Full PDB file with SEQRES, HELIX, SHEET, SSBOND, CRYST1, ORIGX, SCALE, CONECT and MASTER records, all heavy atoms in Angstrom:
SEQRES   1 A   41  ALA GLY ALA TYR HIS GLY ASP VAL ASP GLY GLU TYR ASP          
SEQRES   2 A   41  GLN GLU VAL TRP ARG ALA VAL LYS SER TYR GLN SER TRP          
SEQRES   3 A   41  MET TYR ILE GLU GLY ASP PRO LYS GLY VAL TYR GLY PRO          
SEQRES   4 A   41  HIS THR                                                      
HELIX    1 AA1 GLN A   14  MET A   27  1                                  14    
CRYST1    1.000    1.000    1.000  90.00  90.00  90.00 P 1           1          
ORIGX1      1.000000  0.000000  0.000000        0.00000                         
ORIGX2      0.000000  1.000000  0.000000        0.00000                         
ORIGX3      0.000000  0.000000  1.000000        0.00000                         
SCALE1      1.000000  0.000000  0.000000        0.00000                         
SCALE2      0.000000  1.000000  0.000000        0.00000                         
SCALE3      0.000000  0.000000  1.000000        0.00000                         
ATOM      1  N   ALA A   1       1.909 -10.315   0.790  1.00  0.00           N  
ATOM      2  CA  ALA A   1       2.519  -9.782  -0.435  1.00  0.00           C  
ATOM      3  C   ALA A   1       4.019  -9.454  -0.288  1.00  0.00           C  
ATOM      4  O   ALA A   1       4.676  -9.153  -1.196  1.00  0.00           O  
ATOM      5  CB  ALA A   1       1.744  -8.665  -0.983  1.00  0.00           C  
ATOM      6  N   GLY A   2       4.400  -9.352   1.033  1.00  0.00           N  
ATOM      7  CA  GLY A   2       5.803  -9.011   1.312  1.00  0.00           C  
ATOM      8  C   GLY A   2       6.034  -7.464   1.386  1.00  0.00           C  
ATOM      9  O   GLY A   2       7.235  -7.034   1.387  1.00  0.00           O  
ATOM     10  N   ALA A   3       5.041  -6.660   1.415  1.00  0.00           N  
ATOM     11  CA  ALA A   3       5.091  -5.233   1.300  1.00  0.00           C  
ATOM     12  C   ALA A   3       5.138  -4.593   2.677  1.00  0.00           C  
ATOM     13  O   ALA A   3       5.552  -3.447   2.876  1.00  0.00           O  
ATOM     14  CB  ALA A   3       4.155  -4.600   0.416  1.00  0.00           C  
ATOM     15  N   TYR A   4       4.515  -5.270   3.687  1.00  0.00           N  
ATOM     16  CA  TYR A   4       4.317  -4.707   5.027  1.00  0.00           C  
ATOM     17  C   TYR A   4       4.948  -5.594   6.132  1.00  0.00           C  
ATOM     18  O   TYR A   4       4.701  -6.842   6.024  1.00  0.00           O  
ATOM     19  CB  TYR A   4       2.791  -4.517   5.262  1.00  0.00           C  
ATOM     20  CG  TYR A   4       2.470  -3.925   6.636  1.00  0.00           C  
ATOM     21  CD1 TYR A   4       2.771  -2.635   6.914  1.00  0.00           C  
ATOM     22  CD2 TYR A   4       1.761  -4.628   7.502  1.00  0.00           C  
ATOM     23  CE1 TYR A   4       2.379  -2.025   8.047  1.00  0.00           C  
ATOM     24  CE2 TYR A   4       1.421  -4.103   8.785  1.00  0.00           C  
ATOM     25  CZ  TYR A   4       1.755  -2.793   9.033  1.00  0.00           C  
ATOM     26  OH  TYR A   4       1.442  -2.217  10.178  1.00  0.00           O  
ATOM     27  N   HIS A   5       5.537  -5.006   7.007  1.00  0.00           N  
ATOM     28  CA  HIS A   5       6.327  -5.784   8.056  1.00  0.00           C  
ATOM     29  C   HIS A   5       5.996  -5.256   9.440  1.00  0.00           C  
ATOM     30  O   HIS A   5       6.602  -5.579  10.424  1.00  0.00           O  
ATOM     31  CB  HIS A   5       7.863  -5.776   7.787  1.00  0.00           C  
ATOM     32  CG  HIS A   5       8.205  -6.141   6.496  1.00  0.00           C  
ATOM     33  ND1 HIS A   5       8.104  -7.446   6.043  1.00  0.00           N  
ATOM     34  CD2 HIS A   5       8.602  -5.487   5.396  1.00  0.00           C  
ATOM     35  CE1 HIS A   5       8.505  -7.590   4.746  1.00  0.00           C  
ATOM     36  NE2 HIS A   5       8.769  -6.302   4.345  1.00  0.00           N  
ATOM     37  N   GLY A   6       4.932  -4.488   9.546  1.00  0.00           N  
ATOM     38  CA  GLY A   6       4.561  -3.842  10.866  1.00  0.00           C  
ATOM     39  C   GLY A   6       3.507  -4.724  11.575  1.00  0.00           C  
ATOM     40  O   GLY A   6       3.195  -5.863  11.151  1.00  0.00           O  
ATOM     41  N   ASP A   7       2.922  -4.038  12.628  1.00  0.00           N  
ATOM     42  CA  ASP A   7       1.844  -4.745  13.369  1.00  0.00           C  
ATOM     43  C   ASP A   7       0.569  -4.718  12.536  1.00  0.00           C  
ATOM     44  O   ASP A   7       0.306  -3.792  11.923  1.00  0.00           O  
ATOM     45  CB  ASP A   7       1.677  -4.005  14.727  1.00  0.00           C  
ATOM     46  CG  ASP A   7       2.911  -4.093  15.635  1.00  0.00           C  
ATOM     47  OD1 ASP A   7       3.583  -5.042  15.516  1.00  0.00           O  
ATOM     48  OD2 ASP A   7       3.098  -3.170  16.443  1.00  0.00           O  
ATOM     49  N   VAL A   8      -0.145  -5.857  12.705  1.00  0.00           N  
ATOM     50  CA  VAL A   8      -1.527  -5.783  12.143  1.00  0.00           C  
ATOM     51  C   VAL A   8      -2.464  -5.407  13.188  1.00  0.00           C  
ATOM     52  O   VAL A   8      -2.990  -6.131  14.056  1.00  0.00           O  
ATOM     53  CB  VAL A   8      -1.814  -7.284  11.675  1.00  0.00           C  
ATOM     54  CG1 VAL A   8      -3.273  -7.425  11.042  1.00  0.00           C  
ATOM     55  CG2 VAL A   8      -0.787  -7.739  10.609  1.00  0.00           C  
ATOM     56  N   ASP A   9      -2.598  -4.086  13.169  1.00  0.00           N  
ATOM     57  CA  ASP A   9      -3.337  -3.352  14.285  1.00  0.00           C  
ATOM     58  C   ASP A   9      -4.546  -2.501  13.736  1.00  0.00           C  
ATOM     59  O   ASP A   9      -5.244  -1.882  14.556  1.00  0.00           O  
ATOM     60  CB  ASP A   9      -2.505  -2.523  15.105  1.00  0.00           C  
ATOM     61  CG  ASP A   9      -1.771  -1.427  14.295  1.00  0.00           C  
ATOM     62  OD1 ASP A   9      -2.175  -1.272  13.146  1.00  0.00           O  
ATOM     63  OD2 ASP A   9      -0.847  -0.812  14.838  1.00  0.00           O  
ATOM     64  N   GLY A  10      -4.737  -2.512  12.484  1.00  0.00           N  
ATOM     65  CA  GLY A  10      -5.986  -1.748  11.996  1.00  0.00           C  
ATOM     66  C   GLY A  10      -5.717  -0.300  11.713  1.00  0.00           C  
ATOM     67  O   GLY A  10      -6.675   0.381  11.323  1.00  0.00           O  
ATOM     68  N   GLU A  11      -4.498   0.192  11.905  1.00  0.00           N  
ATOM     69  CA  GLU A  11      -4.192   1.598  11.760  1.00  0.00           C  
ATOM     70  C   GLU A  11      -3.587   1.797  10.382  1.00  0.00           C  
ATOM     71  O   GLU A  11      -2.686   1.079   9.937  1.00  0.00           O  
ATOM     72  CB  GLU A  11      -3.185   2.042  12.816  1.00  0.00           C  
ATOM     73  CG  GLU A  11      -3.686   1.852  14.155  1.00  0.00           C  
ATOM     74  CD  GLU A  11      -4.760   2.947  14.558  1.00  0.00           C  
ATOM     75  OE1 GLU A  11      -4.748   4.113  14.030  1.00  0.00           O  
ATOM     76  OE2 GLU A  11      -5.670   2.511  15.282  1.00  0.00           O  
ATOM     77  N   TYR A  12      -4.209   2.863   9.615  1.00  0.00           N  
ATOM     78  CA  TYR A  12      -3.577   3.223   8.346  1.00  0.00           C  
ATOM     79  C   TYR A  12      -2.616   4.302   8.624  1.00  0.00           C  
ATOM     80  O   TYR A  12      -2.861   5.503   8.422  1.00  0.00           O  
ATOM     81  CB  TYR A  12      -4.689   3.682   7.437  1.00  0.00           C  
ATOM     82  CG  TYR A  12      -4.256   3.725   5.946  1.00  0.00           C  
ATOM     83  CD1 TYR A  12      -4.596   2.642   5.129  1.00  0.00           C  
ATOM     84  CD2 TYR A  12      -3.557   4.685   5.394  1.00  0.00           C  
ATOM     85  CE1 TYR A  12      -4.235   2.573   3.826  1.00  0.00           C  
ATOM     86  CE2 TYR A  12      -3.183   4.692   4.117  1.00  0.00           C  
ATOM     87  CZ  TYR A  12      -3.495   3.637   3.224  1.00  0.00           C  
ATOM     88  OH  TYR A  12      -3.076   3.685   1.935  1.00  0.00           O  
ATOM     89  N   ASP A  13      -1.436   3.920   8.990  1.00  0.00           N  
ATOM     90  CA  ASP A  13      -0.354   4.894   9.298  1.00  0.00           C  
ATOM     91  C   ASP A  13       0.600   4.980   8.172  1.00  0.00           C  
ATOM     92  O   ASP A  13       0.372   4.483   7.124  1.00  0.00           O  
ATOM     93  CB  ASP A  13       0.320   4.447  10.615  1.00  0.00           C  
ATOM     94  CG  ASP A  13       0.962   3.099  10.625  1.00  0.00           C  
ATOM     95  OD1 ASP A  13       1.154   2.505   9.383  1.00  0.00           O  
ATOM     96  OD2 ASP A  13       1.275   2.570  11.633  1.00  0.00           O  
ATOM     97  N   GLN A  14       1.706   5.753   8.410  1.00  0.00           N  
ATOM     98  CA  GLN A  14       2.736   5.953   7.378  1.00  0.00           C  
ATOM     99  C   GLN A  14       3.306   4.754   6.797  1.00  0.00           C  
ATOM    100  O   GLN A  14       3.677   4.589   5.663  1.00  0.00           O  
ATOM    101  CB  GLN A  14       3.737   6.956   7.923  1.00  0.00           C  
ATOM    102  CG  GLN A  14       4.712   7.502   6.869  1.00  0.00           C  
ATOM    103  CD  GLN A  14       3.976   8.640   6.097  1.00  0.00           C  
ATOM    104  OE1 GLN A  14       2.833   9.056   6.417  1.00  0.00           O  
ATOM    105  NE2 GLN A  14       4.525   8.923   4.956  1.00  0.00           N  
ATOM    106  N   GLU A  15       3.511   3.763   7.761  1.00  0.00           N  
ATOM    107  CA  GLU A  15       4.073   2.511   7.247  1.00  0.00           C  
ATOM    108  C   GLU A  15       3.188   1.737   6.390  1.00  0.00           C  
ATOM    109  O   GLU A  15       3.620   1.137   5.364  1.00  0.00           O  
ATOM    110  CB  GLU A  15       4.435   1.617   8.497  1.00  0.00           C  
ATOM    111  CG  GLU A  15       5.295   0.477   8.238  1.00  0.00           C  
ATOM    112  CD  GLU A  15       5.787  -0.287   9.440  1.00  0.00           C  
ATOM    113  OE1 GLU A  15       5.443   0.095  10.633  1.00  0.00           O  
ATOM    114  OE2 GLU A  15       6.500  -1.328   9.267  1.00  0.00           O  
ATOM    115  N   VAL A  16       1.859   1.733   6.577  1.00  0.00           N  
ATOM    116  CA  VAL A  16       0.944   1.122   5.687  1.00  0.00           C  
ATOM    117  C   VAL A  16       0.920   1.867   4.376  1.00  0.00           C  
ATOM    118  O   VAL A  16       0.863   1.322   3.286  1.00  0.00           O  
ATOM    119  CB  VAL A  16      -0.474   1.007   6.339  1.00  0.00           C  
ATOM    120  CG1 VAL A  16      -1.524   0.515   5.322  1.00  0.00           C  
ATOM    121  CG2 VAL A  16      -0.445   0.145   7.670  1.00  0.00           C  
ATOM    122  N   TRP A  17       0.875   3.148   4.501  1.00  0.00           N  
ATOM    123  CA  TRP A  17       0.922   4.051   3.251  1.00  0.00           C  
ATOM    124  C   TRP A  17       2.026   3.678   2.417  1.00  0.00           C  
ATOM    125  O   TRP A  17       1.943   3.479   1.111  1.00  0.00           O  
ATOM    126  CB  TRP A  17       0.856   5.514   3.644  1.00  0.00           C  
ATOM    127  CG  TRP A  17       0.859   6.351   2.458  1.00  0.00           C  
ATOM    128  CD1 TRP A  17      -0.235   6.845   1.818  1.00  0.00           C  
ATOM    129  CD2 TRP A  17       1.949   6.971   1.762  1.00  0.00           C  
ATOM    130  NE1 TRP A  17       0.143   7.742   0.717  1.00  0.00           N  
ATOM    131  CE2 TRP A  17       1.431   7.735   0.678  1.00  0.00           C  
ATOM    132  CE3 TRP A  17       3.296   6.895   1.949  1.00  0.00           C  
ATOM    133  CZ2 TRP A  17       2.288   8.473  -0.186  1.00  0.00           C  
ATOM    134  CZ3 TRP A  17       4.164   7.604   1.027  1.00  0.00           C  
ATOM    135  CH2 TRP A  17       3.634   8.338  -0.038  1.00  0.00           C  
ATOM    136  N   ARG A  18       3.255   3.486   2.991  1.00  0.00           N  
ATOM    137  CA  ARG A  18       4.416   3.212   2.237  1.00  0.00           C  
ATOM    138  C   ARG A  18       4.294   1.763   1.647  1.00  0.00           C  
ATOM    139  O   ARG A  18       4.817   1.564   0.487  1.00  0.00           O  
ATOM    140  CB  ARG A  18       5.660   3.310   3.106  1.00  0.00           C  
ATOM    141  CG  ARG A  18       6.138   4.650   3.305  1.00  0.00           C  
ATOM    142  CD  ARG A  18       7.555   4.779   3.882  1.00  0.00           C  
ATOM    143  NE  ARG A  18       7.636   4.035   5.235  1.00  0.00           N  
ATOM    144  CZ  ARG A  18       7.402   4.760   6.363  1.00  0.00           C  
ATOM    145  NH1 ARG A  18       7.170   6.015   6.407  1.00  0.00           N  
ATOM    146  NH2 ARG A  18       7.522   4.055   7.564  1.00  0.00           N  
ATOM    147  N   ALA A  19       3.705   0.853   2.394  1.00  0.00           N  
ATOM    148  CA  ALA A  19       3.611  -0.531   1.816  1.00  0.00           C  
ATOM    149  C   ALA A  19       2.648  -0.527   0.685  1.00  0.00           C  
ATOM    150  O   ALA A  19       2.896  -1.271  -0.272  1.00  0.00           O  
ATOM    151  CB  ALA A  19       3.088  -1.422   2.986  1.00  0.00           C  
ATOM    152  N   VAL A  20       1.535   0.226   0.746  1.00  0.00           N  
ATOM    153  CA  VAL A  20       0.621   0.332  -0.399  1.00  0.00           C  
ATOM    154  C   VAL A  20       1.285   0.923  -1.551  1.00  0.00           C  
ATOM    155  O   VAL A  20       1.207   0.400  -2.779  1.00  0.00           O  
ATOM    156  CB  VAL A  20      -0.682   1.154  -0.082  1.00  0.00           C  
ATOM    157  CG1 VAL A  20      -1.476   1.465  -1.239  1.00  0.00           C  
ATOM    158  CG2 VAL A  20      -1.460   0.403   0.993  1.00  0.00           C  
ATOM    159  N   LYS A  21       2.079   1.929  -1.386  1.00  0.00           N  
ATOM    160  CA  LYS A  21       2.841   2.606  -2.528  1.00  0.00           C  
ATOM    161  C   LYS A  21       3.856   1.537  -3.093  1.00  0.00           C  
ATOM    162  O   LYS A  21       3.964   1.564  -4.373  1.00  0.00           O  
ATOM    163  CB  LYS A  21       3.508   3.776  -1.977  1.00  0.00           C  
ATOM    164  CG  LYS A  21       4.275   4.605  -2.935  1.00  0.00           C  
ATOM    165  CD  LYS A  21       4.914   5.905  -2.390  1.00  0.00           C  
ATOM    166  CE  LYS A  21       5.659   6.554  -3.450  1.00  0.00           C  
ATOM    167  NZ  LYS A  21       6.478   7.738  -2.871  1.00  0.00           N  
ATOM    168  N   SER A  22       4.602   0.850  -2.271  1.00  0.00           N  
ATOM    169  CA  SER A  22       5.471  -0.129  -2.756  1.00  0.00           C  
ATOM    170  C   SER A  22       4.693  -1.226  -3.585  1.00  0.00           C  
ATOM    171  O   SER A  22       5.229  -1.631  -4.613  1.00  0.00           O  
ATOM    172  CB  SER A  22       6.195  -0.803  -1.671  1.00  0.00           C  
ATOM    173  OG  SER A  22       7.050   0.157  -1.021  1.00  0.00           O  
ATOM    174  N   TYR A  23       3.673  -1.684  -2.974  1.00  0.00           N  
ATOM    175  CA  TYR A  23       2.916  -2.751  -3.739  1.00  0.00           C  
ATOM    176  C   TYR A  23       2.446  -2.230  -5.134  1.00  0.00           C  
ATOM    177  O   TYR A  23       2.543  -2.938  -6.104  1.00  0.00           O  
ATOM    178  CB  TYR A  23       1.749  -3.265  -2.917  1.00  0.00           C  
ATOM    179  CG  TYR A  23       0.948  -4.230  -3.517  1.00  0.00           C  
ATOM    180  CD1 TYR A  23       1.384  -5.634  -3.644  1.00  0.00           C  
ATOM    181  CD2 TYR A  23      -0.276  -4.030  -4.158  1.00  0.00           C  
ATOM    182  CE1 TYR A  23       0.667  -6.604  -4.158  1.00  0.00           C  
ATOM    183  CE2 TYR A  23      -0.954  -4.944  -4.834  1.00  0.00           C  
ATOM    184  CZ  TYR A  23      -0.469  -6.245  -4.895  1.00  0.00           C  
ATOM    185  OH  TYR A  23      -1.228  -7.284  -5.503  1.00  0.00           O  
ATOM    186  N   GLN A  24       1.953  -0.964  -5.167  1.00  0.00           N  
ATOM    187  CA  GLN A  24       1.493  -0.377  -6.412  1.00  0.00           C  
ATOM    188  C   GLN A  24       2.628  -0.351  -7.334  1.00  0.00           C  
ATOM    189  O   GLN A  24       2.425  -0.617  -8.550  1.00  0.00           O  
ATOM    190  CB  GLN A  24       0.981   1.003  -6.118  1.00  0.00           C  
ATOM    191  CG  GLN A  24      -0.416   1.047  -5.371  1.00  0.00           C  
ATOM    192  CD  GLN A  24      -0.739   2.417  -4.856  1.00  0.00           C  
ATOM    193  OE1 GLN A  24       0.076   3.228  -4.517  1.00  0.00           O  
ATOM    194  NE2 GLN A  24      -2.076   2.693  -4.908  1.00  0.00           N  
ATOM    195  N   SER A  25       3.770  -0.008  -6.943  1.00  0.00           N  
ATOM    196  CA  SER A  25       4.958   0.088  -7.836  1.00  0.00           C  
ATOM    197  C   SER A  25       5.350  -1.276  -8.359  1.00  0.00           C  
ATOM    198  O   SER A  25       5.478  -1.480  -9.620  1.00  0.00           O  
ATOM    199  CB  SER A  25       6.155   0.757  -7.031  1.00  0.00           C  
ATOM    200  OG  SER A  25       7.235   0.747  -7.895  1.00  0.00           O  
ATOM    201  N   TRP A  26       5.398  -2.309  -7.576  1.00  0.00           N  
ATOM    202  CA  TRP A  26       5.753  -3.627  -7.925  1.00  0.00           C  
ATOM    203  C   TRP A  26       4.684  -4.258  -8.914  1.00  0.00           C  
ATOM    204  O   TRP A  26       5.116  -4.955  -9.873  1.00  0.00           O  
ATOM    205  CB  TRP A  26       5.700  -4.644  -6.707  1.00  0.00           C  
ATOM    206  CG  TRP A  26       6.717  -4.235  -5.597  1.00  0.00           C  
ATOM    207  CD1 TRP A  26       7.848  -3.417  -5.677  1.00  0.00           C  
ATOM    208  CD2 TRP A  26       6.659  -4.740  -4.315  1.00  0.00           C  
ATOM    209  NE1 TRP A  26       8.412  -3.430  -4.441  1.00  0.00           N  
ATOM    210  CE2 TRP A  26       7.736  -4.175  -3.610  1.00  0.00           C  
ATOM    211  CE3 TRP A  26       5.824  -5.564  -3.628  1.00  0.00           C  
ATOM    212  CZ2 TRP A  26       8.062  -4.407  -2.197  1.00  0.00           C  
ATOM    213  CZ3 TRP A  26       6.103  -5.849  -2.274  1.00  0.00           C  
ATOM    214  CH2 TRP A  26       7.162  -5.228  -1.592  1.00  0.00           C  
ATOM    215  N   MET A  27       3.481  -3.903  -8.741  1.00  0.00           N  
ATOM    216  CA  MET A  27       2.379  -4.484  -9.530  1.00  0.00           C  
ATOM    217  C   MET A  27       2.012  -3.546 -10.759  1.00  0.00           C  
ATOM    218  O   MET A  27       1.074  -3.887 -11.447  1.00  0.00           O  
ATOM    219  CB  MET A  27       1.054  -4.797  -8.709  1.00  0.00           C  
ATOM    220  CG  MET A  27       1.487  -5.740  -7.544  1.00  0.00           C  
ATOM    221  SD  MET A  27       2.053  -7.399  -8.155  1.00  0.00           S  
ATOM    222  CE  MET A  27       0.585  -8.054  -8.835  1.00  0.00           C  
ATOM    223  N   TYR A  28       2.723  -2.446 -10.837  1.00  0.00           N  
ATOM    224  CA  TYR A  28       2.440  -1.508 -11.939  1.00  0.00           C  
ATOM    225  C   TYR A  28       0.969  -0.916 -11.878  1.00  0.00           C  
ATOM    226  O   TYR A  28       0.272  -0.843 -12.935  1.00  0.00           O  
ATOM    227  CB  TYR A  28       2.823  -2.070 -13.342  1.00  0.00           C  
ATOM    228  CG  TYR A  28       4.200  -2.578 -13.367  1.00  0.00           C  
ATOM    229  CD1 TYR A  28       4.429  -3.874 -13.295  1.00  0.00           C  
ATOM    230  CD2 TYR A  28       5.302  -1.619 -13.549  1.00  0.00           C  
ATOM    231  CE1 TYR A  28       5.797  -4.372 -13.350  1.00  0.00           C  
ATOM    232  CE2 TYR A  28       6.567  -2.077 -13.599  1.00  0.00           C  
ATOM    233  CZ  TYR A  28       6.748  -3.410 -13.488  1.00  0.00           C  
ATOM    234  OH  TYR A  28       8.089  -3.885 -13.529  1.00  0.00           O  
ATOM    235  N   ILE A  29       0.481  -0.652 -10.747  1.00  0.00           N  
ATOM    236  CA  ILE A  29      -0.918  -0.220 -10.517  1.00  0.00           C  
ATOM    237  C   ILE A  29      -0.925   1.365 -10.748  1.00  0.00           C  
ATOM    238  O   ILE A  29      -0.211   2.030 -10.011  1.00  0.00           O  
ATOM    239  CB  ILE A  29      -1.502  -0.554  -9.195  1.00  0.00           C  
ATOM    240  CG1 ILE A  29      -1.519  -2.078  -9.123  1.00  0.00           C  
ATOM    241  CG2 ILE A  29      -2.848   0.051  -9.046  1.00  0.00           C  
ATOM    242  CD1 ILE A  29      -1.698  -2.600  -7.725  1.00  0.00           C  
ATOM    243  N   GLU A  30      -1.686   1.782 -11.746  1.00  0.00           N  
ATOM    244  CA  GLU A  30      -1.652   3.284 -12.044  1.00  0.00           C  
ATOM    245  C   GLU A  30      -3.021   3.855 -11.854  1.00  0.00           C  
ATOM    246  O   GLU A  30      -3.178   5.017 -11.932  1.00  0.00           O  
ATOM    247  CB  GLU A  30      -1.202   3.507 -13.470  1.00  0.00           C  
ATOM    248  CG  GLU A  30       0.248   3.040 -13.661  1.00  0.00           C  
ATOM    249  CD  GLU A  30       0.772   3.278 -15.018  1.00  0.00           C  
ATOM    250  OE1 GLU A  30      -0.014   3.672 -15.885  1.00  0.00           O  
ATOM    251  OE2 GLU A  30       2.002   3.151 -15.261  1.00  0.00           O  
ATOM    252  N   GLY A  31      -3.994   3.024 -11.544  1.00  0.00           N  
ATOM    253  CA  GLY A  31      -5.369   3.600 -11.516  1.00  0.00           C  
ATOM    254  C   GLY A  31      -5.731   4.277 -10.173  1.00  0.00           C  
ATOM    255  O   GLY A  31      -6.799   5.048 -10.082  1.00  0.00           O  
ATOM    256  N   ASP A  32      -4.904   4.168  -9.167  1.00  0.00           N  
ATOM    257  CA  ASP A  32      -5.171   4.800  -7.800  1.00  0.00           C  
ATOM    258  C   ASP A  32      -3.935   5.724  -7.520  1.00  0.00           C  
ATOM    259  O   ASP A  32      -2.824   5.381  -7.956  1.00  0.00           O  
ATOM    260  CB  ASP A  32      -5.260   3.762  -6.699  1.00  0.00           C  
ATOM    261  CG  ASP A  32      -6.416   2.820  -6.948  1.00  0.00           C  
ATOM    262  OD1 ASP A  32      -7.444   3.243  -7.285  1.00  0.00           O  
ATOM    263  OD2 ASP A  32      -6.271   1.668  -6.711  1.00  0.00           O  
ATOM    264  N   PRO A  33      -4.108   6.789  -6.818  1.00  0.00           N  
ATOM    265  CA  PRO A  33      -3.019   7.660  -6.394  1.00  0.00           C  
ATOM    266  C   PRO A  33      -2.046   6.796  -5.471  1.00  0.00           C  
ATOM    267  O   PRO A  33      -2.404   5.851  -4.893  1.00  0.00           O  
ATOM    268  CB  PRO A  33      -3.676   8.698  -5.579  1.00  0.00           C  
ATOM    269  CG  PRO A  33      -5.037   8.804  -6.041  1.00  0.00           C  
ATOM    270  CD  PRO A  33      -5.375   7.377  -6.347  1.00  0.00           C  
ATOM    271  N   LYS A  34      -0.728   7.148  -5.645  1.00  0.00           N  
ATOM    272  CA  LYS A  34       0.233   6.467  -4.921  1.00  0.00           C  
ATOM    273  C   LYS A  34       0.018   6.503  -3.403  1.00  0.00           C  
ATOM    274  O   LYS A  34      -0.324   7.551  -2.814  1.00  0.00           O  
ATOM    275  CB  LYS A  34       1.683   7.085  -5.086  1.00  0.00           C  
ATOM    276  CG  LYS A  34       2.072   6.965  -6.559  1.00  0.00           C  
ATOM    277  CD  LYS A  34       2.199   5.517  -7.036  1.00  0.00           C  
ATOM    278  CE  LYS A  34       2.650   5.369  -8.414  1.00  0.00           C  
ATOM    279  NZ  LYS A  34       2.350   4.173  -9.053  1.00  0.00           N  
ATOM    280  N   GLY A  35       0.070   5.341  -2.839  1.00  0.00           N  
ATOM    281  CA  GLY A  35      -0.209   5.153  -1.380  1.00  0.00           C  
ATOM    282  C   GLY A  35      -1.692   5.163  -0.961  1.00  0.00           C  
ATOM    283  O   GLY A  35      -2.016   4.950   0.177  1.00  0.00           O  
ATOM    284  N   VAL A  36      -2.606   5.232  -1.925  1.00  0.00           N  
ATOM    285  CA  VAL A  36      -4.037   5.201  -1.680  1.00  0.00           C  
ATOM    286  C   VAL A  36      -4.572   3.804  -1.986  1.00  0.00           C  
ATOM    287  O   VAL A  36      -4.364   3.347  -3.108  1.00  0.00           O  
ATOM    288  CB  VAL A  36      -4.804   6.287  -2.476  1.00  0.00           C  
ATOM    289  CG1 VAL A  36      -6.254   6.156  -2.232  1.00  0.00           C  
ATOM    290  CG2 VAL A  36      -4.294   7.657  -2.117  1.00  0.00           C  
ATOM    291  N   TYR A  37      -5.281   3.215  -0.993  1.00  0.00           N  
ATOM    292  CA  TYR A  37      -5.868   1.892  -1.247  1.00  0.00           C  
ATOM    293  C   TYR A  37      -7.211   2.111  -1.933  1.00  0.00           C  
ATOM    294  O   TYR A  37      -8.235   1.901  -1.276  1.00  0.00           O  
ATOM    295  CB  TYR A  37      -5.973   1.193   0.093  1.00  0.00           C  
ATOM    296  CG  TYR A  37      -6.493  -0.234   0.072  1.00  0.00           C  
ATOM    297  CD1 TYR A  37      -5.750  -1.127  -0.706  1.00  0.00           C  
ATOM    298  CD2 TYR A  37      -7.507  -0.671   0.801  1.00  0.00           C  
ATOM    299  CE1 TYR A  37      -6.169  -2.489  -0.754  1.00  0.00           C  
ATOM    300  CE2 TYR A  37      -7.936  -1.930   0.805  1.00  0.00           C  
ATOM    301  CZ  TYR A  37      -7.295  -2.865  -0.031  1.00  0.00           C  
ATOM    302  OH  TYR A  37      -7.633  -4.242  -0.094  1.00  0.00           O  
ATOM    303  N   GLY A  38      -7.115   2.198  -3.227  1.00  0.00           N  
ATOM    304  CA  GLY A  38      -8.319   2.443  -3.991  1.00  0.00           C  
ATOM    305  C   GLY A  38      -8.707   1.099  -4.674  1.00  0.00           C  
ATOM    306  O   GLY A  38      -8.157   0.087  -4.399  1.00  0.00           O  
ATOM    307  N   PRO A  39      -9.724   1.143  -5.565  1.00  0.00           N  
ATOM    308  CA  PRO A  39     -10.250   0.005  -6.143  1.00  0.00           C  
ATOM    309  C   PRO A  39      -9.301  -0.807  -7.027  1.00  0.00           C  
ATOM    310  O   PRO A  39      -9.379  -2.030  -7.052  1.00  0.00           O  
ATOM    311  CB  PRO A  39     -11.423   0.484  -7.066  1.00  0.00           C  
ATOM    312  CG  PRO A  39     -11.229   1.965  -7.220  1.00  0.00           C  
ATOM    313  CD  PRO A  39     -10.437   2.398  -5.999  1.00  0.00           C  
ATOM    314  N   HIS A  40      -8.428  -0.160  -7.742  1.00  0.00           N  
ATOM    315  CA  HIS A  40      -7.449  -0.869  -8.588  1.00  0.00           C  
ATOM    316  C   HIS A  40      -6.454  -1.627  -7.723  1.00  0.00           C  
ATOM    317  O   HIS A  40      -6.094  -2.812  -8.036  1.00  0.00           O  
ATOM    318  CB  HIS A  40      -6.748   0.139  -9.470  1.00  0.00           C  
ATOM    319  CG  HIS A  40      -7.653   0.794 -10.387  1.00  0.00           C  
ATOM    320  ND1 HIS A  40      -8.165   0.244 -11.588  1.00  0.00           N  
ATOM    321  CD2 HIS A  40      -8.217   2.070 -10.270  1.00  0.00           C  
ATOM    322  CE1 HIS A  40      -9.027   1.066 -12.162  1.00  0.00           C  
ATOM    323  NE2 HIS A  40      -8.998   2.228 -11.401  1.00  0.00           N  
ATOM    324  N   THR A  41      -5.986  -0.973  -6.628  1.00  0.00           N  
ATOM    325  CA  THR A  41      -5.034  -1.613  -5.653  1.00  0.00           C  
ATOM    326  C   THR A  41      -5.687  -2.770  -5.014  1.00  0.00           C  
ATOM    327  O   THR A  41      -5.147  -3.889  -4.841  1.00  0.00           O  
ATOM    328  CB  THR A  41      -4.477  -0.564  -4.693  1.00  0.00           C  
ATOM    329  OG1 THR A  41      -3.957   0.467  -5.487  1.00  0.00           O  
ATOM    330  CG2 THR A  41      -3.399  -1.142  -3.832  1.00  0.00           C  
TER     331      THR A  41                                                      
MASTER        0    0    0    1    0    0    0    6  330    1    0    4          
END                                                                             
């Protein structure tokens, strides 16, 4: 999706959190808290 540029290592770190938050913003997702990989995201 172009939101994450780090290692694909299975860790939900700050970089992944920021990528989820960015993706939610780009896609106008409001059903999950920012940075949380919930069902809507």
